[in-house]
Amino acid sequence: MTSSEHSTEFGIFLPISNGGWIVSDTAPAIEATYAYNRAAAVAADRLGFDFVMSQAKWRGYGGRTDHWGRTLESMTMMAGLAEATERVKIWATVHTILFNPAIVAKMFTTLDQISDGRCGMNIVVGSFSEEFAQMGMWPDHLDHNERYRYSDEWVRLLLRLWSEDSVTAEGDYFTLRDCSSRPHPETRPTLICAGRSPAGIDFQAQHCDAAFLSAFDRPGLREVSLAVKKRAQDLGRSIKTYTMATVVLDDTDAAAEARRREYSRGVDLEALDNMAAAYGMQTDRNATPSSKSLEQQGFQTEVVTGSAATVREQIEELVDDAELDGLMLIFPDYVGDLERFGTEVLPGLQSR
């Protein structure tokens, strides 16, 4: 079944950190405030989006924009947004390294009640060492694959705590003795994870309801989307796949292109270099960049640009090319842009 033959889900990636998702000082200024995120979530709820999600971030990337240097906490904010909304799904992010599964089991049972069964958990298995090292919490003894083994044990205990009255377990990483976490969620929270390594694909296929995926190009995205679905199918499960995209929307294609170029003009290269270093990547600013990389400067995702009709067409192509079940969208201005997209583009996408 292709994505055009079933309902595609659309959500927004909330700007829980200053700067939003465009690393540039010529993009609309976004500050890390609950009021701004509440306005975006309430609009998404009213306009018919399927979900809203926030990241968990503990340290920014500096540069002249101090990108993501100021951020809110995901689970706390999403509890507030669950109360402020009525129908949209509420997905918060948890780092397994920072939180004991028994603590998270209780927190998301609470969020399940606040949201009336609309909550979900974005599970982050690893992150950037400096974020946790500043708290003395980075586990140097765990490599990439072992962090997935750690998180496999973590999520298995979480699911037991949500369904059993008492859990006793002696594992490689956790010890629970007659551990109780009642009440249980009335609706088991949706589990989501991002990753494209073999260990990540296996973890998603075993435990998650949805996977957020990325790749260097469309064929690569399609390949990893099909891989995680095939792995889940082999395990007798099904899983949805999503990716992220930034929407630059205006009256005409030319006007939208002018906006995109203006945002690229103010790119904060120092912050981008710091971000790349956090990922373990090195940048060479002396190398001659391709025209595509120049166009992408400052954006952290694929960008769809144009009038309402063009943006809809590009989104349909992205979903179909990569055989995706949904998109998590980013907007330069989560007030004006979100409203316009929700009235001029989203209804056409949902009617496919």
C-alpha atoms as a PDB file:
ATOM      1  CA  MET A   1       0.000   0.000   0.000  1.00  0.00           C
ATOM      2  CA  THR A   2       1.390   3.384  -0.938  1.00  0.00           C
ATOM      3  CA  SER A   3       1.020   6.499   1.168  1.00  0.00           C
ATOM      4  CA  SER A   4      -1.526   7.866  -1.314  1.00  0.00           C
ATOM      5  CA  GLU A   5      -3.849   4.944  -0.461  1.00  0.00           C
ATOM      6  CA  HIS A   6      -4.183   5.638   3.242  1.00  0.00           C
ATOM      7  CA  SER A   7      -4.407   8.612   5.524  1.00  0.00           C
ATOM      8  CA  THR A   8      -1.178  10.547   5.973  1.00  0.00           C
ATOM      9  CA  GLU A   9      -0.595  12.156   9.363  1.00  0.00           C
ATOM     10  CA  PHE A  10       0.712  15.689   9.763  1.00  0.00           C
ATOM     11  CA  GLY A  11       2.098  17.190  12.932  1.00  0.00           C
ATOM     12  CA  ILE A  12       4.333  20.030  14.026  1.00  0.00           C
ATOM     13  CA  PHE A  13       7.708  20.064  15.755  1.00  0.00           C
ATOM     14  CA  LEU A  14       7.235  22.678  18.440  1.00  0.00           C
ATOM     15  CA  PRO A  15       9.918  25.380  18.894  1.00  0.00           C
ATOM     16  CA  ILE A  16      10.726  24.546  22.510  1.00  0.00           C
ATOM     17  CA  SER A  17      14.196  26.129  22.130  1.00  0.00           C
ATOM     18  CA  ASN A  18      15.197  29.638  21.094  1.00  0.00           C
ATOM     19  CA  GLY A  19      15.765  30.060  17.371  1.00  0.00           C
ATOM     20  CA  GLY A  20      13.289  27.360  16.429  1.00  0.00           C
ATOM     21  CA  TRP A  21      14.728  25.137  13.716  1.00  0.00           C
ATOM     22  CA  ILE A  22      16.408  27.635  11.390  1.00  0.00           C
ATOM     23  CA  VAL A  23      19.969  28.475  12.453  1.00  0.00           C
ATOM     24  CA  SER A  24      19.937  32.062  11.223  1.00  0.00           C
ATOM     25  CA  ASP A  25      19.526  35.585  12.531  1.00  0.00           C
ATOM     26  CA  THR A  26      17.498  36.673   9.499  1.00  0.00           C
ATOM     27  CA  ALA A  27      14.748  34.146  10.202  1.00  0.00           C
ATOM     28  CA  PRO A  28      11.825  35.147  12.443  1.00  0.00           C
ATOM     29  CA  ALA A  29      13.034  35.465  16.025  1.00  0.00           C
ATOM     30  CA  ILE A  30      11.614  32.656  18.171  1.00  0.00           C
ATOM     31  CA  GLU A  31      12.092  32.637  21.923  1.00  0.00           C
ATOM     32  CA  ALA A  32      11.712  29.631  24.218  1.00  0.00           C
ATOM     33  CA  THR A  33       8.424  30.534  25.900  1.00  0.00           C
ATOM     34  CA  TYR A  34       5.437  28.490  26.933  1.00  0.00           C
ATOM     35  CA  ALA A  35       3.092  31.180  25.607  1.00  0.00           C
ATOM     36  CA  TYR A  36       4.475  30.876  22.057  1.00  0.00           C
ATOM     37  CA  ASN A  37       4.369  27.084  22.113  1.00  0.00           C
ATOM     38  CA  ARG A  38       0.861  27.135  23.564  1.00  0.00           C
ATOM     39  CA  ALA A  39      -0.317  29.399  20.742  1.00  0.00           C
ATOM     40  CA  ALA A  40       1.186  27.010  18.169  1.00  0.00           C
ATOM     41  CA  ALA A  41      -0.307  23.910  19.801  1.00  0.00           C
ATOM     42  CA  VAL A  42      -3.765  25.447  20.169  1.00  0.00           C
ATOM     43  CA  ALA A  43      -3.664  26.499  16.496  1.00  0.00           C
ATOM     44  CA  ALA A  44      -2.569  23.014  15.430  1.00  0.00           C
ATOM     45  CA  ASP A  45      -5.405  21.528  17.468  1.00  0.00           C
ATOM     46  CA  ARG A  46      -7.981  23.847  15.909  1.00  0.00           C
ATOM     47  CA  LEU A  47      -6.671  23.493  12.338  1.00  0.00           C
ATOM     48  CA  GLY A  48      -6.790  19.695  12.327  1.00  0.00           C
ATOM     49  CA  PHE A  49      -3.156  18.623  12.673  1.00  0.00           C
ATOM     50  CA  ASP A  50      -2.670  15.119  14.046  1.00  0.00           C
ATOM     51  CA  PHE A  51       0.071  15.667  16.629  1.00  0.00           C
ATOM     52  CA  VAL A  52       2.424  18.140  18.244  1.00  0.00           C
ATOM     53  CA  MET A  53       5.859  17.072  19.505  1.00  0.00           C
ATOM     54  CA  SER A  54       8.679  18.747  21.398  1.00  0.00           C
ATOM     55  CA  GLN A  55      12.320  17.783  21.686  1.00  0.00           C
ATOM     56  CA  ALA A  56      14.313  17.559  24.916  1.00  0.00           C
ATOM     57  CA  LYS A  57      17.396  19.756  24.865  1.00  0.00           C
ATOM     58  CA  TRP A  58      19.849  20.476  27.672  1.00  0.00           C
ATOM     59  CA  ARG A  59      22.594  22.531  26.021  1.00  0.00           C
ATOM     60  CA  GLY A  60      22.793  24.808  22.982  1.00  0.00           C
ATOM     61  CA  TYR A  61      25.296  25.446  20.208  1.00  0.00           C
ATOM     62  CA  GLY A  62      26.506  28.976  20.801  1.00  0.00           C
ATOM     63  CA  GLY A  63      27.386  31.177  17.856  1.00  0.00           C
ATOM     64  CA  ARG A  64      26.088  34.700  17.526  1.00  0.00           C
ATOM     65  CA  THR A  65      22.510  33.373  17.703  1.00  0.00           C
ATOM     66  CA  ASP A  66      23.137  31.288  20.863  1.00  0.00           C
ATOM     67  CA  HIS A  67      21.109  28.674  19.034  1.00  0.00           C
ATOM     68  CA  TRP A  68      19.133  26.476  21.456  1.00  0.00           C
ATOM     69  CA  GLY A  69      20.958  28.024  24.385  1.00  0.00           C
ATOM     70  CA  ARG A  70      17.586  28.640  26.062  1.00  0.00           C
ATOM     71  CA  THR A  71      15.057  25.852  26.141  1.00  0.00           C
ATOM     72  CA  LEU A  72      12.079  24.545  28.084  1.00  0.00           C
ATOM     73  CA  GLU A  73      11.607  21.028  29.455  1.00  0.00           C
ATOM     74  CA  SER A  74       9.578  18.733  27.213  1.00  0.00           C
ATOM     75  CA  MET A  75       7.425  16.654  29.563  1.00  0.00           C
ATOM     76  CA  THR A  76       6.424  19.581  31.747  1.00  0.00           C
ATOM     77  CA  MET A  77       5.497  21.729  28.762  1.00  0.00           C
ATOM     78  CA  MET A  78       3.509  18.986  27.053  1.00  0.00           C
ATOM     79  CA  ALA A  79       1.466  18.421  30.222  1.00  0.00           C
ATOM     80  CA  GLY A  80       0.405  22.055  30.020  1.00  0.00           C
ATOM     81  CA  LEU A  81      -0.380  21.729  26.320  1.00  0.00           C
ATOM     82  CA  ALA A  82      -2.454  18.604  26.980  1.00  0.00           C
ATOM     83  CA  GLU A  83      -4.700  20.742  29.172  1.00  0.00           C
ATOM     84  CA  ALA A  84      -4.780  23.562  26.583  1.00  0.00           C
ATOM     85  CA  THR A  85      -5.846  21.330  23.651  1.00  0.00           C
ATOM     86  CA  GLU A  86      -8.724  18.979  22.931  1.00  0.00           C
ATOM     87  CA  ARG A  87      -7.971  16.507  20.131  1.00  0.00           C
ATOM     88  CA  VAL A  88      -4.364  16.762  18.880  1.00  0.00           C
ATOM     89  CA  LYS A  89      -1.930  14.059  20.041  1.00  0.00           C
ATOM     90  CA  ILE A  90       0.647  15.245  22.587  1.00  0.00           C
ATOM     91  CA  TRP A  91       4.130  13.731  22.208  1.00  0.00           C
ATOM     92  CA  ALA A  92       6.871  14.511  24.742  1.00  0.00           C
ATOM     93  CA  THR A  93      10.530  13.481  24.598  1.00  0.00           C
ATOM     94  CA  VAL A  94      12.423  11.372  27.147  1.00  0.00           C
ATOM     95  CA  HIS A  95      16.148  10.611  27.298  1.00  0.00           C
ATOM     96  CA  THR A  96      16.497   7.083  28.639  1.00  0.00           C
ATOM     97  CA  ILE A  97      19.932   7.880  30.037  1.00  0.00           C
ATOM     98  CA  LEU A  98      18.583  10.616  32.322  1.00  0.00           C
ATOM     99  CA  PHE A  99      15.425   9.003  33.710  1.00  0.00           C
ATOM    100  CA  ASN A 100      14.720   5.746  35.514  1.00  0.00           C
ATOM    101  CA  PRO A 101      11.887   3.853  33.790  1.00  0.00           C
ATOM    102  CA  ALA A 102       9.870   3.746  37.022  1.00  0.00           C
ATOM    103  CA  ILE A 103       9.895   7.550  37.173  1.00  0.00           C
ATOM    104  CA  VAL A 104       8.850   7.881  33.538  1.00  0.00           C
ATOM    105  CA  ALA A 105       6.108   5.264  33.948  1.00  0.00           C
ATOM    106  CA  LYS A 106       4.450   7.441  36.578  1.00  0.00           C
ATOM    107  CA  MET A 107       4.962  10.681  34.650  1.00  0.00           C
ATOM    108  CA  PHE A 108       3.337   9.371  31.481  1.00  0.00           C
ATOM    109  CA  THR A 109       0.474   7.758  33.360  1.00  0.00           C
ATOM    110  CA  THR A 110      -0.218  11.253  34.655  1.00  0.00           C
ATOM    111  CA  LEU A 111       0.102  12.707  31.144  1.00  0.00           C
ATOM    112  CA  ASP A 112      -2.258  10.017  29.856  1.00  0.00           C
ATOM    113  CA  GLN A 113      -4.923  11.250  32.270  1.00  0.00           C
ATOM    114  CA  ILE A 114      -4.335  14.945  31.533  1.00  0.00           C
ATOM    115  CA  SER A 115      -4.519  14.346  27.778  1.00  0.00           C
ATOM    116  CA  ASP A 116      -7.405  11.856  27.964  1.00  0.00           C
ATOM    117  CA  GLY A 117      -5.396   9.215  26.148  1.00  0.00           C
ATOM    118  CA  ARG A 118      -3.662  11.463  23.592  1.00  0.00           C
ATOM    119  CA  CYS A 119      -0.067  11.283  24.846  1.00  0.00           C
ATOM    120  CA  GLY A 120       3.002   9.762  23.273  1.00  0.00           C
ATOM    121  CA  MET A 121       6.641   9.281  24.210  1.00  0.00           C
ATOM    122  CA  ASN A 122       9.514  10.118  21.874  1.00  0.00           C
ATOM    123  CA  ILE A 123      12.316   7.885  23.161  1.00  0.00           C
ATOM    124  CA  VAL A 124      15.844   9.237  22.685  1.00  0.00           C
ATOM    125  CA  VAL A 125      18.406   6.488  23.201  1.00  0.00           C
ATOM    126  CA  GLY A 126      21.542   8.602  23.012  1.00  0.00           C
ATOM    127  CA  SER A 127      22.355  12.224  22.600  1.00  0.00           C
ATOM    128  CA  PHE A 128      25.286  14.558  22.566  1.00  0.00           C
ATOM    129  CA  SER A 129      27.805  13.828  25.285  1.00  0.00           C
ATOM    130  CA  GLU A 130      28.283  17.471  26.340  1.00  0.00           C
ATOM    131  CA  GLU A 131      24.608  17.786  27.220  1.00  0.00           C
ATOM    132  CA  PHE A 132      24.853  15.039  29.816  1.00  0.00           C
ATOM    133  CA  ALA A 133      28.507  15.468  30.782  1.00  0.00           C
ATOM    134  CA  GLN A 134      27.704  18.910  32.195  1.00  0.00           C
ATOM    135  CA  MET A 135      25.479  17.098  34.722  1.00  0.00           C
ATOM    136  CA  GLY A 136      27.915  14.240  35.284  1.00  0.00           C
ATOM    137  CA  MET A 137      25.438  11.937  33.545  1.00  0.00           C
ATOM    138  CA  TRP A 138      27.170  10.837  30.340  1.00  0.00           C
ATOM    139  CA  PRO A 139      27.879   7.043  30.421  1.00  0.00           C
ATOM    140  CA  ASP A 140      31.303   6.814  28.779  1.00  0.00           C
ATOM    141  CA  HIS A 141      31.231   3.020  29.190  1.00  0.00           C
ATOM    142  CA  LEU A 142      28.247   2.649  26.840  1.00  0.00           C
ATOM    143  CA  ASP A 143      28.938   2.775  23.114  1.00  0.00           C
ATOM    144  CA  HIS A 144      26.263   3.350  20.462  1.00  0.00           C
ATOM    145  CA  ASN A 145      25.025  -0.234  20.281  1.00  0.00           C
ATOM    146  CA  GLU A 146      25.138  -0.729  24.046  1.00  0.00           C
ATOM    147  CA  ARG A 147      22.995   2.386  24.567  1.00  0.00           C
ATOM    148  CA  TYR A 148      20.348   0.615  22.507  1.00  0.00           C
ATOM    149  CA  ARG A 149      20.700  -2.513  24.658  1.00  0.00           C
ATOM    150  CA  TYR A 150      20.349  -0.291  27.727  1.00  0.00           C
ATOM    151  CA  SER A 151      17.226   1.300  26.251  1.00  0.00           C
ATOM    152  CA  ASP A 152      15.812  -2.077  25.244  1.00  0.00           C
ATOM    153  CA  GLU A 153      15.898  -3.123  28.895  1.00  0.00           C
ATOM    154  CA  TRP A 154      14.539   0.312  29.877  1.00  0.00           C
ATOM    155  CA  VAL A 155      11.481   0.133  27.615  1.00  0.00           C
ATOM    156  CA  ARG A 156      10.702  -3.483  28.507  1.00  0.00           C
ATOM    157  CA  LEU A 157      10.575  -2.487  32.180  1.00  0.00           C
ATOM    158  CA  LEU A 158       8.465   0.554  31.313  1.00  0.00           C
ATOM    159  CA  LEU A 159       5.864  -1.623  29.583  1.00  0.00           C
ATOM    160  CA  ARG A 160       5.768  -4.022  32.529  1.00  0.00           C
ATOM    161  CA  LEU A 161       5.282  -1.152  34.970  1.00  0.00           C
ATOM    162  CA  TRP A 162       2.350   0.034  32.865  1.00  0.00           C
ATOM    163  CA  SER A 163       0.667  -3.369  32.959  1.00  0.00           C
ATOM    164  CA  GLU A 164       1.743  -5.249  36.110  1.00  0.00           C
ATOM    165  CA  ASP A 165       0.962  -4.383  39.729  1.00  0.00           C
ATOM    166  CA  SER A 166       4.455  -5.332  40.902  1.00  0.00           C
ATOM    167  CA  VAL A 167       7.704  -5.673  38.950  1.00  0.00           C
ATOM    168  CA  THR A 168      10.818  -7.434  40.193  1.00  0.00           C
ATOM    169  CA  ALA A 169      13.723  -7.545  37.760  1.00  0.00           C
ATOM    170  CA  GLU A 170      17.489  -7.938  37.918  1.00  0.00           C
ATOM    171  CA  GLY A 171      18.933  -6.855  34.578  1.00  0.00           C
ATOM    172  CA  ASP A 172      22.225  -5.677  33.184  1.00  0.00           C
ATOM    173  CA  TYR A 173      21.351  -2.019  33.829  1.00  0.00           C
ATOM    174  CA  PHE A 174      18.362  -1.814  36.193  1.00  0.00           C
ATOM    175  CA  THR A 175      17.235  -3.490  39.385  1.00  0.00           C
ATOM    176  CA  LEU A 176      13.587  -3.311  40.433  1.00  0.00           C
ATOM    177  CA  ARG A 177      12.316  -4.958  43.599  1.00  0.00           C
ATOM    178  CA  ASP A 178       8.568  -5.237  44.084  1.00  0.00           C
ATOM    179  CA  CYS A 179       8.327  -1.981  42.148  1.00  0.00           C
ATOM    180  CA  SER A 180       4.802  -0.657  41.865  1.00  0.00           C
ATOM    181  CA  SER A 181       3.559   2.021  39.476  1.00  0.00           C
ATOM    182  CA  ARG A 182      -0.202   2.330  39.832  1.00  0.00           C
ATOM    183  CA  PRO A 183      -2.541   3.382  38.369  1.00  0.00           C
ATOM    184  CA  HIS A 184      -1.675   2.173  34.909  1.00  0.00           C
ATOM    185  CA  PRO A 185      -2.364   4.251  31.798  1.00  0.00           C
ATOM    186  CA  GLU A 186      -5.870   3.694  30.479  1.00  0.00           C
ATOM    187  CA  THR A 187      -4.469   4.178  26.962  1.00  0.00           C
ATOM    188  CA  ARG A 188      -0.934   2.927  26.424  1.00  0.00           C
ATOM    189  CA  PRO A 189       1.078   5.982  25.275  1.00  0.00           C
ATOM    190  CA  THR A 190       2.298   5.959  21.680  1.00  0.00           C
ATOM    191  CA  LEU A 191       6.005   5.114  21.486  1.00  0.00           C
ATOM    192  CA  ILE A 192       8.182   6.920  18.930  1.00  0.00           C
ATOM    193  CA  CYS A 193      11.923   6.888  18.271  1.00  0.00           C
ATOM    194  CA  ALA A 194      14.346   8.407  15.753  1.00  0.00           C
ATOM    195  CA  GLY A 195      17.341   6.614  14.290  1.00  0.00           C
ATOM    196  CA  ARG A 196      18.587   4.970  11.132  1.00  0.00           C
ATOM    197  CA  SER A 197      21.479   2.755  12.261  1.00  0.00           C
ATOM    198  CA  PRO A 198      20.941  -1.031  12.236  1.00  0.00           C
ATOM    199  CA  ALA A 199      20.594  -0.947  16.028  1.00  0.00           C
ATOM    200  CA  GLY A 200      18.146   1.939  15.760  1.00  0.00           C
ATOM    201  CA  ILE A 201      16.029   0.201  13.121  1.00  0.00           C
ATOM    202  CA  ASP A 202      15.890  -2.945  15.236  1.00  0.00           C
ATOM    203  CA  PHE A 203      14.897  -0.996  18.369  1.00  0.00           C
ATOM    204  CA  GLN A 204      12.139   0.872  16.521  1.00  0.00           C
ATOM    205  CA  ALA A 205      10.802  -2.281  14.914  1.00  0.00           C
ATOM    206  CA  GLN A 206      10.658  -4.123  18.246  1.00  0.00           C
ATOM    207  CA  HIS A 207       9.174  -1.440  20.470  1.00  0.00           C
ATOM    208  CA  CYS A 208       7.805   1.586  18.658  1.00  0.00           C
ATOM    209  CA  ASP A 209       4.567   2.574  16.980  1.00  0.00           C
ATOM    210  CA  ALA A 210       6.272   5.172  14.791  1.00  0.00           C
ATOM    211  CA  ALA A 211       9.793   6.016  13.619  1.00  0.00           C
ATOM    212  CA  PHE A 212      11.207   9.422  12.698  1.00  0.00           C
ATOM    213  CA  LEU A 213      13.730   8.915   9.928  1.00  0.00           C
ATOM    214  CA  SER A 214      16.291  10.966   8.026  1.00  0.00           C
ATOM    215  CA  ALA A 215      18.647  10.374   5.122  1.00  0.00           C
ATOM    216  CA  PHE A 216      20.871  12.274   2.734  1.00  0.00           C
ATOM    217  CA  ASP A 217      18.425  11.969  -0.162  1.00  0.00           C
ATOM    218  CA  ARG A 218      14.971  10.691  -1.115  1.00  0.00           C
ATOM    219  CA  PRO A 219      16.119   7.204  -2.219  1.00  0.00           C
ATOM    220  CA  GLY A 220      17.962   6.821   1.076  1.00  0.00           C
ATOM    221  CA  LEU A 221      14.889   7.898   3.020  1.00  0.00           C
ATOM    222  CA  ARG A 222      12.726   5.410   1.151  1.00  0.00           C
ATOM    223  CA  GLU A 223      15.263   2.669   1.796  1.00  0.00           C
ATOM    224  CA  VAL A 224      15.317   3.203   5.559  1.00  0.00           C
ATOM    225  CA  SER A 225      11.523   3.603   5.687  1.00  0.00           C
ATOM    226  CA  LEU A 226      11.030   0.250   3.975  1.00  0.00           C
ATOM    227  CA  ALA A 227      13.763  -1.344   6.100  1.00  0.00           C
ATOM    228  CA  VAL A 228      12.157  -0.490   9.432  1.00  0.00           C
ATOM    229  CA  LYS A 229       8.724  -1.570   8.173  1.00  0.00           C
ATOM    230  CA  LYS A 230      10.125  -4.874   6.906  1.00  0.00           C
ATOM    231  CA  ARG A 231      11.909  -5.508  10.202  1.00  0.00           C
ATOM    232  CA  ALA A 232       8.710  -4.811  12.156  1.00  0.00           C
ATOM    233  CA  GLN A 233       6.746  -7.091   9.837  1.00  0.00           C
ATOM    234  CA  ASP A 234       9.284  -9.873  10.430  1.00  0.00           C
ATOM    235  CA  LEU A 235       8.575  -9.474  14.164  1.00  0.00           C
ATOM    236  CA  GLY A 236       4.820  -9.634  13.635  1.00  0.00           C
ATOM    237  CA  ARG A 237       4.363  -5.912  14.213  1.00  0.00           C
ATOM    238  CA  SER A 238       3.559  -2.828  12.156  1.00  0.00           C
ATOM    239  CA  ILE A 239       5.137   0.609  12.384  1.00  0.00           C
ATOM    240  CA  LYS A 240       4.541   4.005  10.812  1.00  0.00           C
ATOM    241  CA  THR A 241       7.375   6.083   9.397  1.00  0.00           C
ATOM    242  CA  TYR A 242       7.750   9.864   9.360  1.00  0.00           C
ATOM    243  CA  THR A 243      10.326  12.460   8.455  1.00  0.00           C
ATOM    244  CA  MET A 244      10.678  16.197   9.072  1.00  0.00           C
ATOM    245  CA  ALA A 245      10.283  19.039   6.596  1.00  0.00           C
ATOM    246  CA  THR A 246      10.424  22.819   6.861  1.00  0.00           C
ATOM    247  CA  VAL A 247       7.666  24.747   5.067  1.00  0.00           C
ATOM    248  CA  VAL A 248       8.354  28.189   3.554  1.00  0.00           C
ATOM    249  CA  LEU A 249       4.978  29.342   2.254  1.00  0.00           C
ATOM    250  CA  ASP A 250       3.927  32.590   0.567  1.00  0.00           C
ATOM    251  CA  ASP A 251       1.530  34.024  -2.023  1.00  0.00           C
ATOM    252  CA  THR A 252       3.686  32.950  -4.961  1.00  0.00           C
ATOM    253  CA  ASP A 253       6.603  30.644  -5.597  1.00  0.00           C
ATOM    254  CA  ALA A 254       8.847  33.673  -6.148  1.00  0.00           C
ATOM    255  CA  ALA A 255       7.849  35.293  -2.879  1.00  0.00           C
ATOM    256  CA  ALA A 256       8.429  32.058  -0.948  1.00  0.00           C
ATOM    257  CA  GLU A 257      11.822  31.592  -2.611  1.00  0.00           C
ATOM    258  CA  ALA A 258      12.776  35.130  -1.595  1.00  0.00           C
ATOM    259  CA  ARG A 259      11.890  34.306   2.016  1.00  0.00           C
ATOM    260  CA  ARG A 260      13.962  31.146   1.953  1.00  0.00           C
ATOM    261  CA  ARG A 261      16.979  32.955   0.531  1.00  0.00           C
ATOM    262  CA  GLU A 262      16.666  35.669   3.152  1.00  0.00           C
ATOM    263  CA  TYR A 263      16.716  33.084   5.940  1.00  0.00           C
ATOM    264  CA  SER A 264      19.784  31.449   4.380  1.00  0.00           C
ATOM    265  CA  ARG A 265      21.534  34.815   4.185  1.00  0.00           C
ATOM    266  CA  GLY A 266      21.799  35.068   7.974  1.00  0.00           C
ATOM    267  CA  VAL A 267      23.049  31.536   8.635  1.00  0.00           C
ATOM    268  CA  ASP A 268      25.063  31.174  11.852  1.00  0.00           C
ATOM    269  CA  LEU A 269      28.009  29.070  10.657  1.00  0.00           C
ATOM    270  CA  GLU A 270      29.620  28.882  14.089  1.00  0.00           C
ATOM    271  CA  ALA A 271      26.487  27.385  15.629  1.00  0.00           C
ATOM    272  CA  LEU A 272      26.198  24.943  12.722  1.00  0.00           C
ATOM    273  CA  ASP A 273      29.826  23.888  13.174  1.00  0.00           C
ATOM    274  CA  ASN A 274      29.247  23.371  16.895  1.00  0.00           C
ATOM    275  CA  MET A 275      26.172  21.308  16.093  1.00  0.00           C
ATOM    276  CA  ALA A 276      28.118  19.177  13.617  1.00  0.00           C
ATOM    277  CA  ALA A 277      30.849  18.625  16.214  1.00  0.00           C
ATOM    278  CA  ALA A 278      28.216  17.488  18.705  1.00  0.00           C
ATOM    279  CA  TYR A 279      27.139  14.896  16.145  1.00  0.00           C
ATOM    280  CA  GLY A 280      30.757  13.796  15.810  1.00  0.00           C
ATOM    281  CA  MET A 281      31.057  15.332  12.335  1.00  0.00           C
ATOM    282  CA  GLN A 282      33.708  17.704  11.058  1.00  0.00           C
ATOM    283  CA  THR A 283      33.082  20.612   8.728  1.00  0.00           C
ATOM    284  CA  ASP A 284      35.498  22.079   6.207  1.00  0.00           C
ATOM    285  CA  ARG A 285      34.564  25.689   5.487  1.00  0.00           C
ATOM    286  CA  ASN A 286      37.418  25.965   2.990  1.00  0.00           C
ATOM    287  CA  ALA A 287      35.849  23.346   0.746  1.00  0.00           C
ATOM    288  CA  THR A 288      33.663  24.510  -2.112  1.00  0.00           C
ATOM    289  CA  PRO A 289      30.064  23.671  -1.160  1.00  0.00           C
ATOM    290  CA  SER A 290      27.566  22.412  -3.683  1.00  0.00           C
ATOM    291  CA  SER A 291      24.699  24.634  -4.765  1.00  0.00           C
ATOM    292  CA  LYS A 292      22.316  22.375  -2.859  1.00  0.00           C
ATOM    293  CA  SER A 293      24.270  22.726   0.385  1.00  0.00           C
ATOM    294  CA  LEU A 294      24.345  26.495  -0.059  1.00  0.00           C
ATOM    295  CA  GLU A 295      20.574  26.512  -0.402  1.00  0.00           C
ATOM    296  CA  GLN A 296      20.218  24.374   2.712  1.00  0.00           C
ATOM    297  CA  GLN A 297      22.456  26.489   4.940  1.00  0.00           C
ATOM    298  CA  GLY A 298      20.657  27.232   8.183  1.00  0.00           C
ATOM    299  CA  PHE A 299      17.943  24.617   7.670  1.00  0.00           C
ATOM    300  CA  GLN A 300      18.152  21.318   9.500  1.00  0.00           C
ATOM    301  CA  THR A 301      15.644  19.455   7.331  1.00  0.00           C
ATOM    302  CA  GLU A 302      14.422  19.214   3.767  1.00  0.00           C
ATOM    303  CA  VAL A 303      12.668  22.458   2.773  1.00  0.00           C
ATOM    304  CA  VAL A 304       9.453  22.719   0.753  1.00  0.00           C
ATOM    305  CA  THR A 305       9.058  26.197  -0.702  1.00  0.00           C
ATOM    306  CA  GLY A 306       6.354  27.912  -2.709  1.00  0.00           C
ATOM    307  CA  SER A 307       2.730  28.920  -2.968  1.00  0.00           C
ATOM    308  CA  ALA A 308       0.028  26.800  -1.331  1.00  0.00           C
ATOM    309  CA  ALA A 309      -0.393  24.693  -4.487  1.00  0.00           C
ATOM    310  CA  THR A 310       3.359  24.169  -4.897  1.00  0.00           C
ATOM    311  CA  VAL A 311       3.910  23.288  -1.247  1.00  0.00           C
ATOM    312  CA  ARG A 312       1.095  20.750  -1.370  1.00  0.00           C
ATOM    313  CA  GLU A 313       2.564  19.169  -4.501  1.00  0.00           C
ATOM    314  CA  GLN A 314       6.069  18.989  -3.000  1.00  0.00           C
ATOM    315  CA  ILE A 315       4.771  17.429   0.215  1.00  0.00           C
ATOM    316  CA  GLU A 316       2.794  14.814  -1.711  1.00  0.00           C
ATOM    317  CA  GLU A 317       5.909  13.951  -3.715  1.00  0.00           C
ATOM    318  CA  LEU A 318       8.024  13.644  -0.566  1.00  0.00           C
ATOM    319  CA  VAL A 319       5.527  11.364   1.164  1.00  0.00           C
ATOM    320  CA  ASP A 320       5.040   9.171  -1.896  1.00  0.00           C
ATOM    321  CA  ASP A 321       8.697   9.025  -2.951  1.00  0.00           C
ATOM    322  CA  ALA A 322       9.837   7.858   0.486  1.00  0.00           C
ATOM    323  CA  GLU A 323       6.735   5.744   1.236  1.00  0.00           C
ATOM    324  CA  LEU A 324       6.038   7.618   4.476  1.00  0.00           C
ATOM    325  CA  ASP A 325       3.010   7.601   6.751  1.00  0.00           C
ATOM    326  CA  GLY A 326       3.405  11.166   7.899  1.00  0.00           C
ATOM    327  CA  LEU A 327       5.399  14.355   8.223  1.00  0.00           C
ATOM    328  CA  MET A 328       6.422  16.447  11.191  1.00  0.00           C
ATOM    329  CA  LEU A 329       6.474  20.021   9.941  1.00  0.00           C
ATOM    330  CA  ILE A 330       8.546  23.035  10.927  1.00  0.00           C
ATOM    331  CA  PHE A 331       7.586  26.644  10.230  1.00  0.00           C
ATOM    332  CA  PRO A 332       9.671  29.834  10.291  1.00  0.00           C
ATOM    333  CA  ASP A 333       6.756  31.607  12.015  1.00  0.00           C
ATOM    334  CA  TYR A 334       4.579  29.281  14.052  1.00  0.00           C
ATOM    335  CA  VAL A 335       1.803  31.873  14.277  1.00  0.00           C
ATOM    336  CA  GLY A 336       1.216  33.265  10.776  1.00  0.00           C
ATOM    337  CA  ASP A 337       2.710  30.388   8.763  1.00  0.00           C
ATOM    338  CA  LEU A 338       0.919  27.683  10.712  1.00  0.00           C
ATOM    339  CA  GLU A 339      -2.438  29.393  10.285  1.00  0.00           C
ATOM    340  CA  ARG A 340      -1.922  29.808   6.560  1.00  0.00           C
ATOM    341  CA  PHE A 341      -0.757  26.249   6.026  1.00  0.00           C
ATOM    342  CA  GLY A 342      -3.664  24.918   8.069  1.00  0.00           C
ATOM    343  CA  THR A 343      -6.249  26.731   5.981  1.00  0.00           C
ATOM    344  CA  GLU A 344      -4.699  26.712   2.488  1.00  0.00           C
ATOM    345  CA  VAL A 345      -2.654  23.480   2.308  1.00  0.00           C
ATOM    346  CA  LEU A 346      -3.628  20.969   5.002  1.00  0.00           C
ATOM    347  CA  PRO A 347      -7.268  20.388   3.907  1.00  0.00           C
ATOM    348  CA  GLY A 348      -6.104  19.387   0.420  1.00  0.00           C
ATOM    349  CA  LEU A 349      -3.500  17.010   1.843  1.00  0.00           C
ATOM    350  CA  GLN A 350      -6.021  15.399   4.158  1.00  0.00           C
ATOM    351  CA  SER A 351      -8.531  14.881   1.336  1.00  0.00           C
ATOM    352  CA  ARG A 352      -6.167  12.718  -0.741  1.00  0.00           C
END
